[in-house]
Amino acid sequence: MRTWLLAVVLLCAGPSFAQTQPPVPVHDPAADDAAARFDRMSDQEKEALRERLREYKALPLDEQFRIQANLARWRALPPEEKARVRQNFEAFQRLDPEERQRLLHQWREFQKLPPEEREQLRERMREYLQANPERRKQMMENLRQWRKMTREQREQMRQRLREMRERRPR
C-alpha cells in the first residue's frame, strides 16, 4: 500500500498521465527518501497528503502539467537558490494576512501585464536594487509623488519625458 501510494503521489500516476509521460525508472533514490518520509508521517499527515493527491487528480490536465513543470523547475534549482526562495516564502508567511492578500493581488495584476511591461518593471526593480541608499530614497520619493498625481498629470509627465528623449542628441 505504501509503495503504491508513494508512486502515485510522487509520479502523479493515472491513465492520462501515463499516456503522455515517458516510463518511470525502476529504481529512484528520491522515491526511497520520500518513502522514508512517508513512513515517518502521522496518520493525520498521511490523510492530508492523500486528500491533496485527490485534489491534484481532479485538476484539469493542463493544470497538472503546469504543476509538474513548476516542480521540475524547483528540483533543478541550485541549493542556494532554493534556500533563498524558502526564506522569501517564510518571510511572506510571517506577514499579516491583509499584507499577504495585498501582495498576492499585486502579483496577479503583474501577471496580467503584457510580457514587455513585466520586463520593464523587472528592469526597474533591478535598477532599484543596485542603487545606493540615497538613490533608492529618491526613487521611492519619486514613486510617492507619481502615485499622488491624477491620471491626466501622469499622462502630461509621460508626454514631457517623451519630448525630452526625442530632443536628446543620439
Protein backbone atom coordinates (compact mmCIF):
# COMPACT_ATOMS: atom_id res chain seq x y z
CA MET A 1 0.00 0.00 0.00
CA ARG A 2 2.74 2.41 0.98
CA THR A 3 4.68 1.86 -2.24
CA TRP A 4 1.58 2.26 -4.38
CA LEU A 5 0.51 5.47 -2.67
CA LEU A 6 4.01 6.82 -2.81
CA ALA A 7 4.30 6.09 -6.51
CA VAL A 8 1.00 7.85 -7.13
CA VAL A 9 1.96 10.85 -5.05
CA LEU A 10 5.44 11.20 -6.50
CA LEU A 11 4.64 10.39 -10.07
CA CYS A 12 1.04 11.57 -10.28
CA ALA A 13 0.21 8.33 -11.99
CA GLY A 14 -3.03 7.99 -13.85
CA PRO A 15 -4.17 6.85 -17.27
CA SER A 16 -3.86 10.26 -18.92
CA PHE A 17 -0.52 10.95 -17.26
CA ALA A 18 0.90 7.56 -18.20
CA GLN A 19 -0.04 8.08 -21.84
CA THR A 20 1.76 11.42 -22.09
CA GLN A 21 4.87 10.81 -19.99
CA PRO A 22 7.96 8.69 -20.52
CA PRO A 23 8.25 5.49 -18.48
CA VAL A 24 9.32 5.89 -14.88
CA PRO A 25 12.74 4.47 -13.94
CA VAL A 26 12.60 1.22 -11.98
CA HIS A 27 14.66 2.49 -9.06
CA ASP A 28 14.64 6.10 -7.97
CA PRO A 29 16.68 7.05 -4.87
CA ALA A 30 14.42 10.08 -4.37
CA ALA A 31 11.48 7.68 -4.08
CA ASP A 32 13.33 5.82 -1.31
CA ASP A 33 13.78 9.10 0.57
CA ALA A 34 10.13 10.00 0.01
CA ALA A 35 9.07 6.55 1.18
CA ALA A 36 11.04 7.04 4.38
CA ARG A 37 9.45 10.46 4.92
CA PHE A 38 6.02 8.96 4.28
CA ASP A 39 6.70 6.24 6.88
CA ARG A 40 7.53 8.92 9.46
CA MET A 41 4.27 10.81 8.87
CA SER A 42 1.42 10.63 11.31
CA ASP A 43 -1.87 9.13 10.12
CA GLN A 44 -3.30 12.65 10.00
CA GLU A 45 -0.44 13.86 7.77
CA LYS A 46 -0.84 10.83 5.50
CA GLU A 47 -4.55 11.51 5.13
CA ALA A 48 -3.86 15.17 4.34
CA LEU A 49 -1.39 14.03 1.67
CA ARG A 50 -3.98 11.64 0.23
CA GLU A 51 -6.50 14.48 0.11
CA ARG A 52 -4.01 16.68 -1.74
CA LEU A 53 -3.50 13.85 -4.20
CA ARG A 54 -7.25 13.59 -4.77
CA GLU A 55 -7.40 17.35 -5.34
CA TYR A 56 -4.48 17.15 -7.75
CA LYS A 57 -6.04 14.33 -9.76
CA ALA A 58 -9.27 16.34 -10.01
CA LEU A 59 -7.42 19.23 -11.69
CA PRO A 60 -7.55 19.66 -15.46
CA LEU A 61 -4.58 18.08 -17.25
CA ASP A 62 -3.09 21.43 -18.27
CA GLU A 63 -3.02 22.49 -14.61
CA GLN A 64 -1.42 19.17 -13.63
CA PHE A 65 1.27 19.69 -16.28
CA ARG A 66 1.84 23.26 -15.05
CA ILE A 67 2.36 21.92 -11.53
CA GLN A 68 4.72 19.22 -12.84
CA ALA A 69 6.72 21.84 -14.75
CA ASN A 70 6.98 24.02 -11.64
CA LEU A 71 8.14 21.02 -9.62
CA ALA A 72 10.76 20.18 -12.25
CA ARG A 73 11.99 23.80 -12.20
CA TRP A 74 12.19 23.66 -8.39
CA ARG A 75 14.17 20.44 -8.45
CA ALA A 76 16.61 21.95 -10.97
CA LEU A 77 17.38 24.98 -8.78
CA PRO A 78 20.76 25.07 -7.06
CA PRO A 79 20.64 24.68 -3.26
CA GLU A 80 21.44 28.38 -2.66
CA GLU A 81 18.52 29.46 -4.81
CA LYS A 82 16.18 27.01 -3.05
CA ALA A 83 17.31 28.45 0.29
CA ARG A 84 16.61 31.99 -0.93
CA VAL A 85 13.15 31.00 -2.16
CA ARG A 86 12.39 29.30 1.17
CA GLN A 87 13.50 32.39 3.09
CA ASN A 88 11.30 34.62 0.95
CA PHE A 89 8.35 32.27 1.43
CA GLU A 90 8.86 32.17 5.19
CA ALA A 91 9.04 35.97 5.28
CA PHE A 92 5.84 36.13 3.23
CA GLN A 93 4.12 33.73 5.64
CA ARG A 94 5.09 35.96 8.59
CA LEU A 95 3.28 38.96 7.07
CA ASP A 96 -0.15 39.80 8.41
CA PRO A 97 -3.00 38.35 6.30
CA GLU A 98 -4.02 41.72 4.84
CA GLU A 99 -0.49 42.41 3.62
CA ARG A 100 -0.25 38.92 2.10
CA GLN A 101 -3.54 39.49 0.27
CA ARG A 102 -2.34 42.87 -0.97
CA LEU A 103 0.87 41.35 -2.30
CA LEU A 104 -0.99 38.45 -3.92
CA HIS A 105 -3.31 40.92 -5.61
CA GLN A 106 -0.34 42.92 -6.89
CA TRP A 107 1.30 39.72 -8.15
CA ARG A 108 -1.85 38.71 -10.02
CA GLU A 109 -2.08 42.18 -11.57
CA PHE A 110 1.59 41.95 -12.56
CA GLN A 111 0.92 38.58 -14.22
CA LYS A 112 -1.84 40.16 -16.31
CA LEU A 113 0.57 42.68 -17.84
CA PRO A 114 1.98 42.10 -21.31
CA PRO A 115 5.44 40.48 -21.25
CA GLU A 116 7.14 43.71 -22.36
CA GLU A 117 5.69 45.67 -19.45
CA ARG A 118 6.60 42.94 -16.98
CA GLU A 119 10.19 43.03 -18.25
CA GLN A 120 10.28 46.83 -17.92
CA LEU A 121 9.15 46.55 -14.31
CA ARG A 122 11.73 43.85 -13.63
CA GLU A 123 14.42 46.10 -15.08
CA ARG A 124 13.30 48.99 -12.88
CA MET A 125 13.42 46.70 -9.86
CA ARG A 126 16.95 45.60 -10.77
CA GLU A 127 17.94 49.27 -11.05
CA TYR A 128 16.40 49.97 -7.65
CA LEU A 129 18.16 47.01 -6.03
CA GLN A 130 21.52 48.07 -7.47
CA ALA A 131 21.13 51.71 -6.45
CA ASN A 132 22.87 53.17 -3.44
CA PRO A 133 20.70 54.06 -0.41
CA GLU A 134 20.49 57.75 -1.32
CA ARG A 135 19.34 56.95 -4.87
CA ARG A 136 16.83 54.41 -3.53
CA LYS A 137 15.38 57.05 -1.24
CA GLN A 138 14.99 59.43 -4.19
CA MET A 139 13.38 56.67 -6.30
CA MET A 140 10.85 55.96 -3.54
CA GLU A 141 10.05 59.65 -3.21
CA ASN A 142 9.53 59.87 -6.98
CA LEU A 143 7.16 56.91 -6.77
CA ARG A 144 5.19 58.53 -3.95
CA GLN A 145 4.86 61.72 -6.00
CA TRP A 146 3.80 59.71 -9.06
CA ARG A 147 1.08 57.95 -7.08
CA LYS A 148 -0.29 61.30 -5.89
CA MET A 149 -0.73 62.51 -9.47
CA THR A 150 -4.01 62.29 -11.31
CA ARG A 151 -4.25 60.25 -14.48
CA GLU A 152 -4.06 63.44 -16.54
CA GLN A 153 -0.98 64.67 -14.70
CA ARG A 154 0.73 61.34 -15.27
CA GLU A 155 -0.02 61.47 -18.98
CA GLN A 156 1.34 65.04 -19.17
CA MET A 157 4.51 63.88 -17.41
CA ARG A 158 4.88 60.96 -19.83
CA GLN A 159 4.49 63.34 -22.76
CA ARG A 160 7.16 65.69 -21.38
CA LEU A 161 9.54 62.75 -20.88
CA ARG A 162 8.94 61.55 -24.46
CA GLU A 163 9.67 65.03 -25.75
CA MET A 164 12.85 65.25 -23.70
CA ARG A 165 14.03 61.89 -25.07
CA GLU A 166 13.34 62.99 -28.64
CA ARG A 167 15.41 66.19 -28.17
CA ARG A 168 18.42 64.32 -26.80
CA PRO A 169 21.32 64.00 -29.27
CA ARG A 170 21.91 60.46 -30.38
